[in-house]
N, C-alpha and C. Protein backbone atom coordinates (compact mmCIF):
# COMPACT_ATOMS: atom_id res chain seq x y z
N UNK A 1 -81.43 -57.73 -110.64
CA UNK A 1 -80.39 -56.90 -110.06
C UNK A 1 -79.74 -56.12 -111.21
N UNK A 2 -79.63 -54.83 -111.02
CA UNK A 2 -79.09 -54.02 -112.12
C UNK A 2 -77.58 -53.87 -112.02
N UNK A 3 -76.99 -53.45 -113.11
CA UNK A 3 -75.53 -53.34 -113.21
C UNK A 3 -74.97 -52.28 -112.26
N UNK A 4 -75.69 -51.21 -112.06
CA UNK A 4 -75.23 -50.14 -111.16
C UNK A 4 -75.11 -50.67 -109.73
N UNK A 5 -76.08 -51.45 -109.30
CA UNK A 5 -76.07 -52.02 -107.96
C UNK A 5 -74.92 -53.01 -107.81
N UNK A 6 -74.69 -53.84 -108.83
CA UNK A 6 -73.57 -54.78 -108.80
C UNK A 6 -72.24 -54.05 -108.70
N UNK A 7 -72.10 -52.96 -109.44
CA UNK A 7 -70.88 -52.15 -109.38
C UNK A 7 -70.67 -51.56 -107.99
N UNK A 8 -71.76 -51.07 -107.41
CA UNK A 8 -71.68 -50.50 -106.06
C UNK A 8 -71.24 -51.56 -105.05
N UNK A 9 -71.84 -52.74 -105.12
CA UNK A 9 -71.48 -53.82 -104.21
C UNK A 9 -70.05 -54.29 -104.44
N UNK A 10 -69.63 -54.33 -105.70
CA UNK A 10 -68.25 -54.74 -106.00
C UNK A 10 -67.25 -53.79 -105.37
N UNK A 11 -67.53 -52.51 -105.43
CA UNK A 11 -66.65 -51.52 -104.81
C UNK A 11 -66.66 -51.63 -103.29
N UNK A 12 -67.85 -51.81 -102.73
CA UNK A 12 -68.00 -51.86 -101.27
C UNK A 12 -67.33 -53.09 -100.66
N UNK A 13 -67.28 -54.17 -101.41
CA UNK A 13 -66.80 -55.45 -100.87
C UNK A 13 -65.55 -55.95 -101.58
N UNK A 14 -64.71 -55.06 -102.07
CA UNK A 14 -63.57 -55.48 -102.88
C UNK A 14 -62.40 -56.03 -102.08
N UNK A 15 -62.27 -55.66 -100.82
CA UNK A 15 -61.11 -56.10 -100.03
C UNK A 15 -61.50 -57.16 -99.02
N UNK A 16 -60.86 -58.30 -99.11
CA UNK A 16 -61.19 -59.44 -98.26
C UNK A 16 -60.97 -59.17 -96.77
N UNK A 17 -60.04 -58.30 -96.44
CA UNK A 17 -59.69 -58.08 -95.03
C UNK A 17 -60.57 -57.05 -94.32
N UNK A 18 -61.43 -56.34 -95.05
CA UNK A 18 -62.28 -55.32 -94.44
C UNK A 18 -63.58 -55.92 -93.92
N UNK A 19 -63.98 -55.49 -92.73
CA UNK A 19 -65.25 -55.93 -92.15
C UNK A 19 -66.37 -55.11 -92.79
N UNK A 20 -67.33 -55.78 -93.44
CA UNK A 20 -68.39 -55.04 -94.12
C UNK A 20 -69.47 -54.55 -93.16
N UNK A 21 -70.20 -53.54 -93.62
CA UNK A 21 -71.37 -53.06 -92.90
C UNK A 21 -72.48 -54.12 -93.03
N UNK A 22 -73.47 -54.08 -92.15
CA UNK A 22 -74.62 -55.01 -92.31
C UNK A 22 -75.22 -54.87 -93.71
N UNK A 23 -75.72 -55.97 -94.23
CA UNK A 23 -76.23 -55.99 -95.59
C UNK A 23 -77.52 -56.78 -95.68
N UNK A 24 -78.22 -56.60 -96.76
CA UNK A 24 -79.44 -57.36 -97.02
C UNK A 24 -79.07 -58.71 -97.65
N UNK A 25 -80.04 -59.59 -97.73
CA UNK A 25 -79.80 -60.94 -98.21
C UNK A 25 -79.26 -60.97 -99.64
N UNK A 26 -79.81 -60.17 -100.55
CA UNK A 26 -79.33 -60.16 -101.94
C UNK A 26 -77.86 -59.73 -102.02
N UNK A 27 -77.50 -58.74 -101.22
CA UNK A 27 -76.11 -58.28 -101.20
C UNK A 27 -75.21 -59.37 -100.62
N UNK A 28 -75.66 -60.03 -99.57
CA UNK A 28 -74.88 -61.12 -98.97
C UNK A 28 -74.66 -62.24 -99.98
N UNK A 29 -75.67 -62.56 -100.76
CA UNK A 29 -75.52 -63.60 -101.79
C UNK A 29 -74.52 -63.18 -102.85
N UNK A 30 -74.54 -61.92 -103.23
CA UNK A 30 -73.58 -61.40 -104.19
C UNK A 30 -72.16 -61.55 -103.66
N UNK A 31 -71.96 -61.16 -102.40
CA UNK A 31 -70.63 -61.24 -101.78
C UNK A 31 -70.18 -62.69 -101.68
N UNK A 32 -71.07 -63.58 -101.33
CA UNK A 32 -70.72 -65.00 -101.25
C UNK A 32 -70.23 -65.52 -102.59
N UNK A 33 -70.89 -65.11 -103.65
CA UNK A 33 -70.48 -65.53 -104.99
C UNK A 33 -69.13 -64.92 -105.38
N UNK A 34 -68.98 -63.62 -105.09
CA UNK A 34 -67.75 -62.91 -105.48
C UNK A 34 -66.52 -63.41 -104.71
N UNK A 35 -66.69 -63.86 -103.48
CA UNK A 35 -65.56 -64.24 -102.63
C UNK A 35 -65.52 -65.75 -102.34
N UNK A 36 -66.26 -66.53 -103.10
CA UNK A 36 -66.42 -67.96 -102.83
C UNK A 36 -65.12 -68.75 -102.77
N UNK A 37 -64.16 -68.40 -103.57
CA UNK A 37 -62.93 -69.20 -103.64
C UNK A 37 -61.77 -68.61 -102.83
N UNK A 38 -62.06 -67.66 -101.96
CA UNK A 38 -61.00 -66.97 -101.23
C UNK A 38 -60.60 -67.66 -99.93
N UNK A 39 -61.38 -68.58 -99.45
CA UNK A 39 -61.02 -69.32 -98.25
C UNK A 39 -61.52 -68.69 -96.96
N UNK A 40 -61.23 -69.35 -95.86
CA UNK A 40 -61.78 -68.94 -94.57
C UNK A 40 -61.16 -67.67 -94.00
N UNK A 41 -60.09 -67.20 -94.58
CA UNK A 41 -59.47 -65.95 -94.12
C UNK A 41 -60.11 -64.72 -94.75
N UNK A 42 -61.05 -64.92 -95.65
CA UNK A 42 -61.74 -63.81 -96.31
C UNK A 42 -62.88 -63.32 -95.40
N UNK A 43 -62.68 -62.16 -94.80
CA UNK A 43 -63.66 -61.60 -93.88
C UNK A 43 -64.97 -61.28 -94.60
N UNK A 44 -64.88 -60.85 -95.85
CA UNK A 44 -66.08 -60.54 -96.62
C UNK A 44 -66.96 -61.79 -96.76
N UNK A 45 -66.35 -62.92 -97.09
CA UNK A 45 -67.10 -64.16 -97.27
C UNK A 45 -67.74 -64.62 -95.96
N UNK A 46 -66.95 -64.64 -94.89
CA UNK A 46 -67.46 -65.10 -93.59
C UNK A 46 -68.58 -64.19 -93.09
N UNK A 47 -68.43 -62.89 -93.26
CA UNK A 47 -69.47 -61.95 -92.85
C UNK A 47 -70.75 -62.14 -93.66
N UNK A 48 -70.60 -62.27 -94.96
CA UNK A 48 -71.78 -62.48 -95.82
C UNK A 48 -72.47 -63.80 -95.48
N UNK A 49 -71.70 -64.81 -95.17
CA UNK A 49 -72.27 -66.10 -94.79
C UNK A 49 -73.10 -65.95 -93.52
N UNK A 50 -72.59 -65.21 -92.56
CA UNK A 50 -73.32 -64.98 -91.31
C UNK A 50 -74.61 -64.20 -91.58
N UNK A 51 -74.53 -63.15 -92.39
CA UNK A 51 -75.74 -62.37 -92.71
C UNK A 51 -76.76 -63.22 -93.44
N UNK A 52 -76.30 -64.05 -94.37
CA UNK A 52 -77.22 -64.91 -95.14
C UNK A 52 -77.91 -65.90 -94.22
N UNK A 53 -77.18 -66.46 -93.27
CA UNK A 53 -77.76 -67.42 -92.32
C UNK A 53 -78.83 -66.77 -91.45
N UNK A 54 -78.57 -65.55 -91.01
CA UNK A 54 -79.51 -64.85 -90.14
C UNK A 54 -80.76 -64.44 -90.91
N UNK A 55 -80.59 -64.02 -92.15
CA UNK A 55 -81.70 -63.51 -92.95
C UNK A 55 -82.54 -64.60 -93.61
N UNK A 56 -81.95 -65.75 -93.82
CA UNK A 56 -82.66 -66.82 -94.55
C UNK A 56 -83.76 -67.46 -93.74
């Protein structure tokens, strides 16, 4: 994964309260890592978890 892609994902998923667009598995894993300690109120984490479950 290159730095430009990580920067793009960081910008796209920076706010916990925003509902993200559908994503691929690698992006979902990135979001899970970035928002791991935010708790169950983090929409980014919950959405990425759902995408990862469906794609895995």
